[in-house]
Amino acid sequence: MASNSVSSRRPGSWTVQENKLFEKALARFDRDTPDRWQNVAAAVGAGKSADEVKRHYDILMEDLRRIESGRVPLPNYRNISFEEETRLLKFLKM
């Protein structure tokens, strides 16, 4: 049985929940906030350090630069019917 504990994940991995907390913390603690990365790390929890959240931010910014510069190709979505899209959306947790 797979464990969802912090200790069982590979180093540097982030859960969906941690990423959501990270995004909310970035909105709350902007670049002018003193000790921004310590505050973000505390908001994320899960033992993340200020260095880890800063590194995660740097990776996110590089990904955004690559996407915006066109170096990341758009996905090739297949055409699906409205009914199929509705059926698939039922599986998403929103």
Protein backbone atom coordinates (compact mmCIF):
# COMPACT_ATOMS: atom_id res chain seq x y z
CA MET A 1 0.00 0.00 0.00
CA ALA A 2 1.41 3.41 -0.98
CA SER A 3 1.92 5.90 1.79
CA ASN A 4 1.15 9.59 1.43
CA SER A 5 3.49 10.68 4.20
CA VAL A 6 6.13 13.33 3.64
CA SER A 7 8.91 10.87 4.41
CA SER A 8 7.80 8.39 1.72
CA ARG A 9 7.93 10.91 -1.15
CA ARG A 10 11.01 11.55 -3.20
CA PRO A 11 12.96 14.65 -2.19
CA GLY A 12 11.76 17.80 -3.92
CA SER A 13 8.33 16.43 -4.77
CA TRP A 14 5.24 18.53 -4.14
CA THR A 15 1.69 17.31 -3.64
CA VAL A 16 -1.30 18.99 -5.25
CA GLN A 17 -2.27 20.34 -1.83
CA GLU A 18 1.22 21.77 -1.22
CA ASN A 19 1.14 23.45 -4.63
CA LYS A 20 -2.25 25.02 -3.83
CA LEU A 21 -0.91 26.30 -0.50
CA PHE A 22 2.19 27.57 -2.31
CA GLU A 23 0.09 29.51 -4.84
CA LYS A 24 -2.05 31.06 -2.09
CA ALA A 25 1.05 31.99 -0.11
CA LEU A 26 2.62 33.67 -3.16
CA ALA A 27 -0.50 35.79 -3.53
CA ARG A 28 -0.42 36.68 0.16
CA PHE A 29 3.32 37.35 0.49
CA ASP A 30 4.41 39.46 -2.47
CA ARG A 31 7.98 40.31 -3.43
CA ASP A 32 8.03 43.28 -1.02
CA THR A 33 7.17 41.15 2.02
CA PRO A 34 10.07 40.88 4.49
CA ASP A 35 11.16 37.26 4.91
CA ARG A 36 8.93 36.27 2.02
CA TRP A 37 10.32 32.77 1.55
CA GLN A 38 10.21 31.93 5.25
CA ASN A 39 6.56 33.03 5.30
CA VAL A 40 5.73 31.01 2.19
CA ALA A 41 7.48 27.95 3.64
CA ALA A 42 5.51 28.29 6.89
CA ALA A 43 2.24 28.60 4.94
CA VAL A 44 3.01 25.51 2.85
CA GLY A 45 4.11 23.47 5.84
CA ALA A 46 5.09 19.84 5.23
CA GLY A 47 8.61 20.60 6.36
CA LYS A 48 9.38 22.78 3.32
CA SER A 49 12.29 25.15 3.89
CA ALA A 50 12.63 28.71 2.63
CA ASP A 51 15.26 27.46 0.16
CA GLU A 52 12.90 24.77 -1.16
CA VAL A 53 10.02 27.16 -1.76
CA LYS A 54 12.35 29.69 -3.42
CA ARG A 55 13.71 26.93 -5.71
CA HIS A 56 10.13 25.85 -6.48
CA TYR A 57 9.30 29.47 -7.37
CA ASP A 58 12.36 29.78 -9.62
CA ILE A 59 11.35 26.60 -11.49
CA LEU A 60 7.81 27.93 -11.88
CA MET A 61 9.10 31.23 -13.28
CA GLU A 62 11.38 29.44 -15.76
CA ASP A 63 8.47 27.27 -16.90
CA LEU A 64 6.35 30.38 -17.44
CA ARG A 65 9.13 32.08 -19.42
CA ARG A 66 9.45 29.00 -21.64
CA ILE A 67 5.69 28.82 -22.22
CA GLU A 68 5.36 32.53 -22.95
CA SER A 69 8.33 32.49 -25.33
CA GLY A 70 6.75 29.69 -27.34
CA ARG A 71 9.43 27.12 -26.48
CA VAL A 72 6.80 24.76 -25.06
CA PRO A 73 4.44 23.43 -27.74
CA LEU A 74 0.72 23.61 -27.15
CA PRO A 75 -0.87 20.24 -26.47
CA ASN A 76 -2.65 18.58 -29.35
CA TYR A 77 -6.14 18.28 -27.92
CA ARG A 78 -8.46 15.98 -29.75
CA ASN A 79 -11.89 17.22 -30.69
CA ILE A 80 -14.51 15.76 -28.39
CA SER A 81 -18.23 16.26 -28.18
CA PHE A 82 -19.91 18.36 -25.54
CA GLU A 83 -21.35 15.18 -24.01
CA GLU A 84 -17.93 13.55 -23.80
CA GLU A 85 -16.42 16.68 -22.27
CA THR A 86 -19.22 16.81 -19.69
CA ARG A 87 -18.69 13.14 -18.86
CA LEU A 88 -14.92 13.67 -18.40
CA LEU A 89 -15.37 16.77 -16.27
CA LYS A 90 -17.36 14.76 -13.74
CA PHE A 91 -14.10 13.07 -12.76
CA LEU A 92 -12.37 16.33 -11.85
CA LYS A 93 -12.36 17.48 -8.26
CA MET A 94 -13.01 21.19 -8.32
